[in-house]
Amino acid sequence: MADSELESALAKEGLAAEVIKVATEGGWTASAFKHVVETQAEVEGAIPEIFPGQILSRLQIAQIKAAWAGMQTSSSSSALPAPVNADPTLETWVESFSPKIASTKLSDMKRQFLANYPSEVLNPSTLPSLRLISLAAHQEARSEYKWIAWKHRMTEEKASELLIARPQKQPKLEMLGLSSLLLDDPPTIEVTDANMGISGIQRILAVHDVALAMVGSAHLARLKAYSCKFIQLVSQRFDPTSGLRAPTILEAQQADCRIWQSIHSLVSEKAWSLNDALHEFTEIRGELSTLLQARPKALFIPRGPDLKGKGKQVGQWKGLGKGQGRGKVKGGKPKGAPGRHITFVKEIQVGSEKKGLCVQWQIGRCTRGGSCPFVHACAYPKQAGANRVAGYDIQPAARPAEPVNVLPKSVSLLETNAGPVSSPAAQCPQGNIPSQPVLGDVTCNMPGRSRHYFLPLGLHACFLPGETWNALCVSRNILTSPHKDTANLPGSSNLTVGIGSYSDGGLWVEDQAGTVPQFIPKLGVTLPGKIVTTHHAPFKFPVHLWHCTQPWLGDRWVLTAFTLPGSS
């Protein structure tokens, strides 16, 4: 059976009928002829097989090639994909701005709006921008009333200002892609808590109401009713003592977004009209009041004293730091309180001459003893009523009343605990233990302070056989954290005793067999230990063990004898 399609394709190129008949009688069809070879260069090699026994001229060979090429072209054109529908209503993953409406359509919208609402005025300061109207018209055409971001809600006047203020940029083709040149960048307003208030929200809602009313999405009265309730809730004022505040600008924007998401759900899924949905959330439901309800204020927590900071202090700590902030720092301690504007004494009048005070002695580091050329006296000015020198109260090396001089009583406790000693000097290899130990020049007039006094007195405590110490530490009301005495002589021990009117305040000491755990911040682990009572009970322990003070009630004095390396 002859193939009419193959005959017409070959005849169209002018090939003789008797030659065509040879191919069709041989069983060749248009489909077979089209797929006999892959390229046109191979067609001439297949001709003897398609037309057997025929001596063909060059013209006839060219006609056969033309027929094959024509069949390939028609096949390719029929296999082309259908053109993409340019309908803007199709859903895509590409988010683009709505198409711009024509000026004639905009004029008709304005004319219809003024006819429907004669009391309204449309001018550049109240007319929505062309982009906002285009977006509202695009949503109305698709019946999808989604939330329009506040940054796009602007008037025509505001849009013009932003367009003028935008700098002219020349595209750099070597740095920008094609999408950066083709995509639109619409002007937007900045919506933040810093640059917008209640009046800004009113303008945003008002221009949005006019845009929806112009495209016929809803009645202007229903839109304004929603806006009025929104402004009423977001502008609430609360008593400062209530601890409440109104929503911020960003919180109000989020609430408006949530409401319009619910409105869109009613319109698209429940077939409500936009007017009914607006009335539902304005008058019936309480979701708007819930989203714009009062929020608790953040609690103000004052900062602690930062004596090394370079800024101002606040609250009760104001004035305590070494701040370098601008302006005069007010506040701090009340007038007349200890430690406020203290000028320490540098020299005193001794007889007919002035002598300087020893600075190293003030911090317990003077090792010159009697050879020190400076006076060992407290530089803190005394209160009114005492002797004054050059406007300051000075008491050089005066012994305060008990319980400051606690050394005799503490040594007595050490001696009692170790047993009676008839002649301490006889048992001391160096024989320099005084019969009546004294604290030394540690008089301090500074009120309300607890300090350590490190006194290298060359003390050799012979109250325990074979034990000696060369330094003494007297402390008052000092709560120590877990630590080791790494500055002491390795392998030495501490002897400590507590006196005074206090309760509790034991000493926690590291002990692998102990039953009292203690967290060590420097190690980040918890170690076992025991609590030893040192109140009127001297206790000796190695310096390499972790130890710390336990809390107490009352006035707690502690005397600790220890050994420093390199001291004679």
Protein backbone atom coordinates (compact mmCIF):
# COMPACT_ATOMS: atom_id res chain seq x y z
CA MET A 1 0.00 0.00 0.00
CA ALA A 2 1.46 3.28 -1.10
CA ASP A 3 2.16 5.97 1.50
CA SER A 4 0.49 9.18 0.33
CA GLU A 5 2.51 11.33 2.74
CA LEU A 6 5.81 10.08 1.37
CA GLU A 7 4.56 10.49 -2.21
CA SER A 8 3.46 14.08 -1.59
CA ALA A 9 6.77 15.00 0.12
CA LEU A 10 8.87 13.63 -2.76
CA ALA A 11 6.55 15.02 -5.45
CA LYS A 12 6.67 18.41 -3.83
CA GLU A 13 10.40 18.55 -4.48
CA GLY A 14 9.86 17.59 -8.19
CA LEU A 15 11.00 13.95 -8.12
CA ALA A 16 9.67 11.83 -11.01
CA ALA A 17 6.62 9.64 -10.34
CA GLU A 18 8.29 6.43 -11.55
CA VAL A 19 11.16 6.96 -9.11
CA ILE A 20 8.71 7.62 -6.26
CA LYS A 21 6.80 4.45 -7.16
CA VAL A 22 9.96 2.37 -6.69
CA ALA A 23 10.27 3.58 -3.06
CA THR A 24 6.60 3.15 -2.15
CA GLU A 25 6.40 -0.31 -3.71
CA GLY A 26 9.47 -1.28 -1.71
CA GLY A 27 7.48 -0.66 1.50
CA TRP A 28 8.92 2.70 2.51
CA THR A 29 6.66 5.03 4.45
CA ALA A 30 7.03 8.65 5.46
CA SER A 31 7.93 7.71 9.04
CA ALA A 32 10.52 5.16 7.91
CA PHE A 33 11.99 7.57 5.38
CA LYS A 34 12.26 10.30 8.05
CA HIS A 35 14.17 8.05 10.48
CA VAL A 36 16.38 6.19 7.98
CA VAL A 37 19.46 8.22 9.03
CA GLU A 38 20.39 10.69 11.79
CA THR A 39 22.04 13.43 9.71
CA GLN A 40 21.59 14.83 6.24
CA ALA A 41 25.11 13.82 5.24
CA GLU A 42 24.13 10.18 5.58
CA VAL A 43 21.06 10.45 3.30
CA GLU A 44 23.02 9.97 0.06
CA GLY A 45 24.47 6.71 1.34
CA ALA A 46 20.97 5.31 2.03
CA ILE A 47 19.50 6.26 -1.40
CA PRO A 48 20.58 3.04 -3.24
CA GLU A 49 18.72 1.00 -0.66
CA ILE A 50 15.54 3.15 -0.84
CA PHE A 51 15.57 3.30 -4.64
CA PRO A 52 17.13 -0.02 -5.77
CA GLY A 53 18.10 -0.42 -9.45
CA GLN A 54 17.69 3.29 -10.19
CA ILE A 55 20.42 5.42 -11.73
CA LEU A 56 19.73 8.87 -10.28
CA SER A 57 21.09 12.16 -11.44
CA ARG A 58 22.49 14.74 -9.11
CA LEU A 59 19.24 16.70 -9.37
CA GLN A 60 17.19 13.72 -8.28
CA ILE A 61 19.56 13.03 -5.36
CA ALA A 62 19.24 16.69 -4.26
CA GLN A 63 15.43 16.43 -4.48
CA ILE A 64 15.45 13.34 -2.25
CA LYS A 65 17.69 15.13 0.29
CA ALA A 66 15.38 18.16 0.28
CA ALA A 67 12.35 15.96 0.91
CA TRP A 68 14.12 14.31 3.87
CA ALA A 69 15.14 17.70 5.33
CA GLY A 70 11.60 19.05 4.89
CA MET A 71 10.14 16.12 6.82
CA GLN A 72 12.67 16.72 9.65
CA THR A 73 11.71 20.43 9.87
CA SER A 74 7.99 19.72 10.02
CA SER A 75 8.59 17.13 12.73
CA SER A 76 10.62 19.57 14.88
CA SER A 77 8.04 22.33 14.57
CA SER A 78 5.22 20.02 15.61
CA ALA A 79 7.22 18.89 18.69
CA LEU A 80 7.79 22.44 20.04
CA PRO A 81 6.30 23.04 23.55
CA ALA A 82 3.22 25.12 23.89
CA PRO A 83 3.91 28.81 24.60
CA VAL A 84 3.84 29.83 28.26
CA ASN A 85 0.62 31.49 29.22
CA ALA A 86 1.36 35.04 30.21
CA ASP A 87 -1.74 35.24 32.34
CA PRO A 88 -0.66 37.12 35.49
CA THR A 89 -3.23 35.23 37.56
CA LEU A 90 -1.20 31.99 37.31
CA GLU A 91 0.51 30.92 40.55
CA THR A 92 4.30 30.95 40.43
CA TRP A 93 7.15 30.74 42.89
CA VAL A 94 8.42 34.14 41.73
CA GLU A 95 7.22 36.98 43.93
CA SER A 96 6.87 40.10 41.80
CA PHE A 97 5.00 43.35 42.28
CA SER A 98 1.52 43.67 40.80
CA PRO A 99 1.17 45.03 37.23
CA LYS A 100 0.84 48.76 36.90
CA ILE A 101 -2.69 49.95 36.18
CA ALA A 102 -3.32 52.32 33.29
CA SER A 103 -3.79 56.03 33.91
CA THR A 104 -7.29 55.96 32.38
CA LYS A 105 -8.33 53.20 34.78
CA LEU A 106 -6.89 55.18 37.71
CA SER A 107 -8.89 58.23 36.66
CA ASP A 108 -12.07 56.15 36.53
CA MET A 109 -11.34 54.81 40.02
CA LYS A 110 -10.85 58.29 41.44
CA ARG A 111 -14.03 59.53 39.79
CA GLN A 112 -16.05 56.61 41.10
CA PHE A 113 -14.58 56.99 44.62
CA LEU A 114 -15.51 60.67 44.84
CA ALA A 115 -19.00 59.85 43.58
CA ASN A 116 -19.45 57.17 46.26
CA TYR A 117 -17.91 59.23 49.07
CA PRO A 118 -18.48 62.94 48.36
CA SER A 119 -17.06 64.06 51.72
CA GLU A 120 -13.65 62.55 51.01
CA VAL A 121 -10.80 64.56 49.54
CA LEU A 122 -8.21 63.09 47.21
CA ASN A 123 -4.94 64.99 46.92
CA PRO A 124 -1.29 63.91 46.84
CA SER A 125 -1.19 63.73 50.66
CA THR A 126 -4.24 61.39 50.88
CA LEU A 127 -4.19 59.58 47.52
CA PRO A 128 -2.54 56.13 47.76
CA SER A 129 0.56 55.62 45.68
CA LEU A 130 0.22 54.06 42.25
CA ARG A 131 1.93 50.88 43.44
CA LEU A 132 -0.44 50.51 46.40
CA ILE A 133 -3.51 51.00 44.21
CA SER A 134 -2.11 48.54 41.65
CA LEU A 135 -1.55 45.95 44.38
CA ALA A 136 -5.06 46.44 45.78
CA ALA A 137 -6.57 46.19 42.26
CA HIS A 138 -4.54 43.03 41.59
CA GLN A 139 -5.89 41.40 44.76
CA GLU A 140 -9.44 42.49 43.95
CA ALA A 141 -9.21 40.91 40.50
CA ARG A 142 -8.14 37.61 42.04
CA SER A 143 -10.40 37.94 45.14
CA GLU A 144 -7.37 37.36 47.37
CA TYR A 145 -7.35 39.96 50.12
CA LYS A 146 -3.95 39.30 51.63
CA TRP A 147 -2.17 41.50 54.13
CA ILE A 148 -0.28 44.38 52.54
CA ALA A 149 2.96 45.14 54.37
CA TRP A 150 3.08 48.48 56.14
CA LYS A 151 6.26 49.45 54.30
CA HIS A 152 4.27 49.58 51.01
CA ARG A 153 1.40 51.69 52.42
CA MET A 154 2.27 55.23 51.43
CA THR A 155 0.67 58.19 49.73
CA GLU A 156 1.58 59.52 46.32
CA GLU A 157 3.37 62.43 47.99
CA LYS A 158 5.51 60.14 50.13
CA ALA A 159 6.34 57.93 47.15
CA SER A 160 7.53 60.97 45.21
CA GLU A 161 9.73 62.08 48.12
CA LEU A 162 11.35 58.67 48.32
CA LEU A 163 11.89 58.58 44.58
CA ILE A 164 13.60 61.97 44.64
CA ALA A 165 15.77 61.04 47.63
CA ARG A 166 16.91 57.78 46.05
CA PRO A 167 20.47 58.18 44.71
CA GLN A 168 21.13 57.63 41.03
CA LYS A 169 23.08 54.39 40.68
CA GLN A 170 24.87 53.18 37.60
CA PRO A 171 24.80 49.38 37.28
CA LYS A 172 28.15 47.62 37.24
CA LEU A 173 27.58 44.76 34.86
CA GLU A 174 30.64 42.85 35.99
CA MET A 175 29.32 42.70 39.55
CA LEU A 176 25.56 42.38 39.07
CA GLY A 177 23.66 39.48 37.65
CA LEU A 178 20.90 39.75 35.08
CA SER A 179 18.25 39.36 37.79
CA SER A 180 19.62 42.40 39.64
CA LEU A 181 19.09 44.53 36.54
CA LEU A 182 15.63 43.22 35.69
CA LEU A 183 13.94 42.97 39.09
CA ASP A 184 12.10 46.03 40.37
CA ASP A 185 13.03 47.68 43.66
CA PRO A 186 9.93 49.58 44.82
CA PRO A 187 10.36 52.41 47.33
CA THR A 188 9.40 51.51 50.91
CA ILE A 189 9.04 53.34 54.19
CA GLU A 190 10.94 52.32 57.33
CA VAL A 191 8.72 50.85 60.04
CA THR A 192 10.52 50.79 63.40
CA ASP A 193 9.82 51.77 67.00
CA ALA A 194 12.40 54.55 66.78
CA ASN A 195 10.96 56.63 63.94
CA MET A 196 7.20 56.01 64.12
CA GLY A 197 4.41 56.72 66.58
CA ILE A 198 0.63 56.55 66.78
CA SER A 199 0.22 59.24 64.12
CA GLY A 200 2.34 57.17 61.74
CA ILE A 201 0.07 54.13 62.28
CA GLN A 202 -2.98 56.31 61.61
CA ARG A 203 -1.57 57.46 58.25
CA ILE A 204 -0.68 53.89 57.27
CA LEU A 205 -4.16 52.56 58.06
CA ALA A 206 -5.92 55.53 56.44
CA VAL A 207 -4.14 55.25 53.09
CA HIS A 208 -4.78 51.50 53.07
CA ASP A 209 -8.52 52.09 53.65
CA VAL A 210 -8.70 54.53 50.73
CA ALA A 211 -6.85 52.13 48.40
CA LEU A 212 -9.24 49.23 49.12
CA ALA A 213 -12.28 51.49 48.82
CA MET A 214 -11.07 52.89 45.46
CA VAL A 215 -10.80 49.43 43.89
CA GLY A 216 -14.19 48.40 45.35
CA SER A 217 -12.97 45.70 47.74
CA ALA A 218 -14.99 46.97 50.73
CA HIS A 219 -16.99 49.96 51.94
CA LEU A 220 -14.93 52.82 53.32
CA ALA A 221 -17.02 53.00 56.50
CA ARG A 222 -16.31 49.36 57.35
CA LEU A 223 -12.60 49.84 56.70
CA LYS A 224 -12.46 52.96 58.88
CA ALA A 225 -14.31 51.18 61.71
CA TYR A 226 -11.55 48.57 61.81
CA SER A 227 -8.83 51.26 61.74
CA CYS A 228 -10.48 53.26 64.55
CA LYS A 229 -10.64 50.24 66.85
CA PHE A 230 -7.06 49.34 66.01
CA ILE A 231 -5.83 52.84 66.93
CA GLN A 232 -7.92 52.85 70.11
CA LEU A 233 -6.31 49.63 71.34
CA VAL A 234 -2.74 50.44 70.34
CA SER A 235 -2.82 53.95 71.91
CA GLN A 236 -3.89 52.88 75.42
CA ARG A 237 -2.10 54.52 78.34
CA PHE A 238 -1.48 52.86 81.69
CA ASP A 239 -0.52 54.09 85.13
CA PRO A 240 3.26 53.86 85.66
CA THR A 241 2.72 51.93 88.88
CA SER A 242 0.76 49.20 87.10
CA GLY A 243 3.86 47.78 85.42
CA LEU A 244 2.07 47.61 82.05
CA ARG A 245 2.74 49.17 78.65
CA ALA A 246 1.01 49.49 75.28
CA PRO A 247 2.15 47.43 72.26
CA THR A 248 5.13 48.71 70.31
CA ILE A 249 5.02 49.63 66.61
CA LEU A 250 6.42 46.27 65.51
CA GLU A 251 4.02 44.40 67.80
CA ALA A 252 1.10 46.38 66.32
CA GLN A 253 2.26 45.55 62.78
CA GLN A 254 2.38 41.86 63.69
CA ALA A 255 -1.16 42.06 65.14
CA ASP A 256 -2.49 43.68 61.93
CA CYS A 257 -0.83 40.92 59.89
CA ARG A 258 -2.46 38.20 62.02
CA ILE A 259 -5.93 39.77 61.66
CA TRP A 260 -5.68 40.06 57.87
CA GLN A 261 -4.52 36.47 57.64
CA SER A 262 -7.70 35.43 59.43
CA ILE A 263 -9.78 37.72 57.16
CA HIS A 264 -8.23 36.17 54.07
CA SER A 265 -9.05 32.72 55.43
CA LEU A 266 -12.74 33.61 55.85
CA VAL A 267 -12.99 35.15 52.38
CA SER A 268 -11.11 32.44 50.48
CA GLU A 269 -12.26 29.33 52.35
CA LYS A 270 -15.68 30.27 53.75
CA ALA A 271 -16.83 32.48 50.83
CA TRP A 272 -17.40 35.50 53.09
CA SER A 273 -17.42 38.99 51.68
CA LEU A 274 -14.67 41.35 52.79
CA ASN A 275 -17.22 43.65 54.45
CA ASP A 276 -18.60 40.79 56.54
CA ALA A 277 -15.15 39.59 57.51
CA LEU A 278 -14.11 43.09 58.61
CA HIS A 279 -17.27 43.45 60.69
CA GLU A 280 -16.66 40.06 62.27
CA PHE A 281 -13.20 40.99 63.57
CA THR A 282 -14.14 44.56 64.45
CA GLU A 283 -17.41 44.06 66.35
CA ILE A 284 -17.89 40.36 67.09
CA ARG A 285 -14.64 38.59 67.82
CA GLY A 286 -12.12 39.63 70.44
CA GLU A 287 -8.99 38.56 68.61
CA LEU A 288 -7.96 42.14 67.88
CA SER A 289 -8.20 43.09 71.57
CA THR A 290 -6.20 40.02 72.51
CA LEU A 291 -3.38 40.75 70.08
CA LEU A 292 -3.18 44.40 71.21
CA GLN A 293 -3.56 43.82 74.93
CA ALA A 294 -1.25 45.42 77.50
CA ARG A 295 2.23 44.00 77.92
CA PRO A 296 4.27 43.84 81.16
CA LYS A 297 7.15 46.27 81.40
CA ALA A 298 10.66 44.90 81.61
CA LEU A 299 12.04 45.02 85.13
CA PHE A 300 14.88 47.44 85.68
CA ILE A 301 17.85 45.68 87.32
CA PRO A 302 20.59 48.11 88.40
CA ARG A 303 24.16 47.20 87.60
CA GLY A 304 26.57 46.38 90.34
CA PRO A 305 29.65 48.49 91.03
CA ASP A 306 32.19 48.35 88.25
CA LEU A 307 35.11 50.19 89.76
CA LYS A 308 37.29 49.54 86.69
CA GLY A 309 34.79 50.63 84.09
CA LYS A 310 35.13 53.59 81.77
CA GLY A 311 31.51 54.69 81.80
CA LYS A 312 28.84 56.08 84.04
CA GLN A 313 27.27 54.01 86.81
CA VAL A 314 23.54 53.96 87.37
CA GLY A 315 21.20 53.66 90.34
CA GLN A 316 22.58 53.08 93.80
CA TRP A 317 26.06 52.35 92.35
CA LYS A 318 26.31 55.72 90.66
CA GLY A 319 29.52 57.56 91.47
CA LEU A 320 31.49 54.53 92.73
CA GLY A 321 33.51 53.83 89.58
CA LYS A 322 36.41 55.49 87.87
CA GLY A 323 34.17 56.49 85.00
CA GLN A 324 35.22 58.88 82.28
CA GLY A 325 31.73 59.61 80.98
CA ARG A 326 30.70 63.06 79.83
CA GLY A 327 29.26 65.42 82.36
CA LYS A 328 29.35 65.45 86.13
CA VAL A 329 28.34 62.20 87.76
CA LYS A 330 25.80 62.77 90.49
CA GLY A 331 24.72 60.44 93.22
CA GLY A 332 26.94 57.96 94.99
CA LYS A 333 27.29 58.01 98.74
CA PRO A 334 25.40 60.59 100.80
CA LYS A 335 27.24 63.61 102.05
CA GLY A 336 29.33 62.88 105.11
CA ALA A 337 29.34 59.10 104.55
CA PRO A 338 32.66 57.26 105.10
CA GLY A 339 34.76 56.90 102.00
CA ARG A 340 33.35 59.91 100.11
CA HIS A 341 36.00 62.31 98.76
CA ILE A 342 38.67 61.04 101.15
CA THR A 343 42.08 62.68 100.93
CA PHE A 344 44.61 60.52 102.74
CA VAL A 345 47.37 62.13 104.79
CA LYS A 346 50.87 62.00 103.31
CA GLU A 347 52.88 63.58 106.14
CA ILE A 348 52.48 64.51 109.81
CA GLN A 349 54.08 66.95 112.24
CA VAL A 350 56.44 65.14 114.63
CA GLY A 351 57.92 67.63 117.08
CA SER A 352 59.38 70.48 115.09
CA GLU A 353 59.61 68.69 111.75
CA LYS A 354 57.30 67.07 109.25
CA LYS A 355 57.74 63.41 108.39
CA GLY A 356 56.16 61.43 105.60
CA LEU A 357 53.99 58.38 106.16
CA CYS A 358 55.11 54.99 104.90
CA VAL A 359 52.99 53.95 101.93
CA GLN A 360 54.21 50.35 102.01
CA TRP A 361 53.22 50.08 105.65
CA GLN A 362 49.64 51.09 104.76
CA ILE A 363 49.26 47.89 102.71
CA GLY A 364 51.31 45.70 105.02
CA ARG A 365 54.40 45.37 102.79
CA CYS A 366 57.05 47.39 104.62
CA THR A 367 59.94 45.08 105.61
CA ARG A 368 62.40 47.74 106.75
CA GLY A 369 61.26 47.67 110.37
CA GLY A 370 63.00 50.20 112.59
CA SER A 371 65.29 51.33 109.77
CA CYS A 372 62.36 52.69 107.74
CA PRO A 373 62.81 56.47 107.32
CA PHE A 374 59.05 57.02 107.20
CA VAL A 375 56.51 57.04 110.00
CA HIS A 376 54.39 53.94 110.48
CA ALA A 377 50.96 55.54 111.09
CA CYS A 378 47.51 55.26 109.55
CA ALA A 379 46.88 57.80 106.79
CA TYR A 380 43.12 57.71 107.15
CA PRO A 381 41.74 61.00 108.63
CA LYS A 382 40.04 60.51 111.99
CA GLN A 383 36.62 61.81 112.98
CA ALA A 384 36.02 65.11 114.74
CA GLY A 385 37.18 65.39 118.33
CA ALA A 386 40.68 63.90 117.94
CA ASN A 387 44.01 65.62 117.58
CA ARG A 388 44.43 67.29 114.20
CA VAL A 389 47.55 67.99 112.22
CA ALA A 390 47.21 70.23 109.16
CA GLY A 391 43.47 69.64 109.10
CA TYR A 392 43.68 65.83 109.43
CA ASP A 393 43.31 63.51 112.37
CA ILE A 394 46.44 61.48 112.91
CA GLN A 395 47.27 58.94 115.61
CA PRO A 396 50.73 57.55 114.91
CA ALA A 397 51.18 53.96 116.01
CA ALA A 398 48.49 54.21 118.71
CA ARG A 399 47.10 50.93 120.06
CA PRO A 400 43.31 50.69 119.64
CA ALA A 401 41.04 49.17 122.19
CA GLU A 402 40.19 45.47 122.22
CA PRO A 403 39.42 43.41 120.20
CA VAL A 404 41.89 44.84 117.65
CA ASN A 405 44.94 43.63 119.59
CA VAL A 406 44.00 39.97 119.44
CA LEU A 407 47.48 38.52 119.20
CA PRO A 408 48.11 37.98 122.94
CA LYS A 409 44.82 36.19 123.39
CA SER A 410 45.33 34.11 120.22
CA VAL A 411 48.88 33.12 121.19
CA SER A 412 47.56 32.21 124.60
CA LEU A 413 45.04 29.88 122.97
CA LEU A 414 47.81 28.35 120.86
CA GLU A 415 49.97 27.83 123.93
CA THR A 416 47.09 26.36 125.93
CA ASN A 417 46.18 23.97 123.13
CA ALA A 418 49.75 22.76 122.71
CA GLY A 419 50.36 22.35 126.44
CA PRO A 420 52.10 24.42 129.11
CA VAL A 421 55.43 25.91 128.17
CA SER A 422 57.65 27.03 131.00
CA SER A 423 60.18 28.87 128.89
CA PRO A 424 59.31 29.40 125.20
CA ALA A 425 62.61 31.11 124.52
CA ALA A 426 64.54 28.16 125.88
CA GLN A 427 62.85 25.79 123.40
CA CYS A 428 63.34 28.13 120.43
CA PRO A 429 66.60 27.49 118.53
CA GLN A 430 67.06 31.20 117.92
CA GLY A 431 65.74 32.28 121.32
CA ASN A 432 63.94 35.42 120.13
CA ILE A 433 60.34 34.77 121.15
CA PRO A 434 59.13 37.68 123.31
CA SER A 435 57.50 36.77 126.62
CA GLN A 436 54.57 39.06 125.80
CA PRO A 437 53.86 38.94 122.05
CA VAL A 438 52.20 42.06 120.65
CA LEU A 439 50.41 42.80 117.41
CA GLY A 440 52.66 45.64 116.34
CA ASP A 441 51.76 48.89 114.61
CA VAL A 442 48.51 47.86 112.99
CA THR A 443 46.30 50.71 114.20
CA CYS A 444 43.67 51.56 111.55
CA ASN A 445 40.97 54.20 111.94
CA MET A 446 39.05 53.36 108.77
CA PRO A 447 35.45 52.50 109.81
CA GLY A 448 33.40 49.67 108.38
CA ARG A 449 36.31 47.86 106.72
CA SER A 450 37.64 44.32 107.11
CA ARG A 451 41.27 43.98 106.09
CA HIS A 452 44.17 41.55 106.22
CA TYR A 453 47.38 42.58 107.96
CA PHE A 454 50.40 40.55 106.84
CA LEU A 455 53.12 41.08 109.39
CA PRO A 456 56.51 39.39 108.81
CA LEU A 457 57.55 39.53 112.47
CA GLY A 458 60.10 36.72 112.41
CA LEU A 459 57.80 34.77 114.72
CA HIS A 460 58.87 31.23 115.65
CA ALA A 461 55.94 29.49 117.29
CA CYS A 462 57.50 26.86 119.47
CA PHE A 463 54.20 25.84 121.01
CA LEU A 464 54.11 22.73 118.79
CA PRO A 465 57.29 20.66 118.76
CA GLY A 466 59.35 21.15 115.61
CA GLU A 467 56.98 23.75 114.05
CA THR A 468 57.98 27.29 113.11
CA TRP A 469 56.32 30.11 111.15
CA ASN A 470 57.64 33.44 109.93
CA ALA A 471 54.45 35.35 109.08
CA LEU A 472 51.11 36.12 110.67
CA CYS A 473 47.74 37.02 109.14
CA VAL A 474 45.05 38.78 111.19
CA SER A 475 41.67 39.08 109.49
CA ARG A 476 38.27 40.30 110.55
CA ASN A 477 35.03 39.15 108.94
CA ILE A 478 36.70 37.83 105.78
CA LEU A 479 34.81 35.12 103.87
CA THR A 480 37.35 33.28 101.71
CA SER A 481 36.41 31.21 98.66
CA PRO A 482 37.95 27.77 97.96
CA HIS A 483 41.70 28.24 97.40
CA LYS A 484 45.18 26.91 98.02
CA ASP A 485 47.97 28.91 99.68
CA THR A 486 50.31 28.57 96.70
CA ALA A 487 52.40 31.59 97.78
CA ASN A 488 53.42 29.87 101.01
CA LEU A 489 56.52 27.74 101.41
CA PRO A 490 55.89 24.35 99.74
CA GLY A 491 55.48 21.57 102.28
CA SER A 492 54.71 23.97 105.14
CA SER A 493 51.54 24.11 107.22
CA ASN A 494 49.11 26.75 108.44
CA LEU A 495 48.02 27.15 112.07
CA THR A 496 44.73 29.03 112.39
CA VAL A 497 42.41 29.96 115.26
CA GLY A 498 39.23 32.01 115.41
CA ILE A 499 38.14 34.28 118.28
CA GLY A 500 35.36 36.76 118.82
CA SER A 501 31.63 36.70 119.41
CA TYR A 502 30.34 34.62 116.53
CA SER A 503 28.71 31.27 115.79
CA ASP A 504 29.36 28.73 113.02
CA GLY A 505 32.10 29.94 110.64
CA GLY A 506 34.06 26.69 110.52
CA LEU A 507 36.86 25.89 108.08
CA TRP A 508 36.21 23.49 105.19
CA VAL A 509 39.37 21.51 104.35
CA GLU A 510 39.88 19.06 101.51
CA ASP A 511 39.81 15.45 102.76
CA GLN A 512 39.43 12.36 100.56
CA ALA A 513 37.71 10.56 103.46
CA GLY A 514 35.46 13.52 104.24
CA THR A 515 31.69 13.58 103.89
CA VAL A 516 31.14 17.28 103.09
CA PRO A 517 31.34 18.04 99.33
CA GLN A 518 32.49 21.48 98.16
CA PHE A 519 32.38 22.86 94.62
CA ILE A 520 35.73 24.32 93.45
CA PRO A 521 35.04 27.05 90.83
CA LYS A 522 38.64 27.16 89.60
CA LEU A 523 38.59 23.42 88.86
CA GLY A 524 34.91 23.12 87.94
CA VAL A 525 34.58 19.98 90.09
CA THR A 526 33.29 19.03 93.54
CA LEU A 527 35.80 17.68 96.07
CA PRO A 528 35.14 15.80 99.33
CA GLY A 529 36.18 17.39 102.59
CA LYS A 530 35.36 18.09 106.21
CA ILE A 531 34.39 21.12 108.29
CA VAL A 532 36.65 21.88 111.26
CA THR A 533 35.60 24.14 114.13
CA THR A 534 38.36 26.71 114.75
CA HIS A 535 36.50 28.94 117.24
CA HIS A 536 38.86 29.00 120.24
CA ALA A 537 40.33 25.75 118.84
CA PRO A 538 43.61 26.10 116.84
CA PHE A 539 43.87 23.82 113.81
CA LYS A 540 46.90 22.91 111.70
CA PHE A 541 46.67 21.79 108.04
CA PRO A 542 49.01 21.56 104.99
CA VAL A 543 49.03 24.52 102.61
CA HIS A 544 48.52 22.35 99.48
CA LEU A 545 44.97 21.39 100.49
CA TRP A 546 41.93 23.27 99.20
CA HIS A 547 40.14 25.17 101.99
CA CYS A 548 37.56 27.90 102.47
CA THR A 549 35.54 29.68 105.14
CA GLN A 550 31.98 28.73 106.09
CA PRO A 551 29.29 31.39 106.78
CA TRP A 552 28.95 32.73 110.32
CA LEU A 553 26.93 35.12 112.48
CA GLY A 554 28.63 37.77 114.61
CA ASP A 555 32.08 39.41 114.72
CA ARG A 556 34.71 36.89 113.59
CA TRP A 557 38.46 37.41 114.05
CA VAL A 558 40.97 34.88 112.70
CA LEU A 559 44.69 34.59 113.43
CA THR A 560 46.70 32.41 111.01
CA ALA A 561 50.40 31.64 111.30
CA PHE A 562 52.14 30.58 108.07
CA THR A 563 55.55 30.44 106.39
CA LEU A 564 56.65 32.55 103.42
CA PRO A 565 59.59 31.45 101.25
CA GLY A 566 62.79 33.49 101.32
CA SER A 567 62.06 35.16 104.71
CA SER A 568 64.52 34.92 107.56
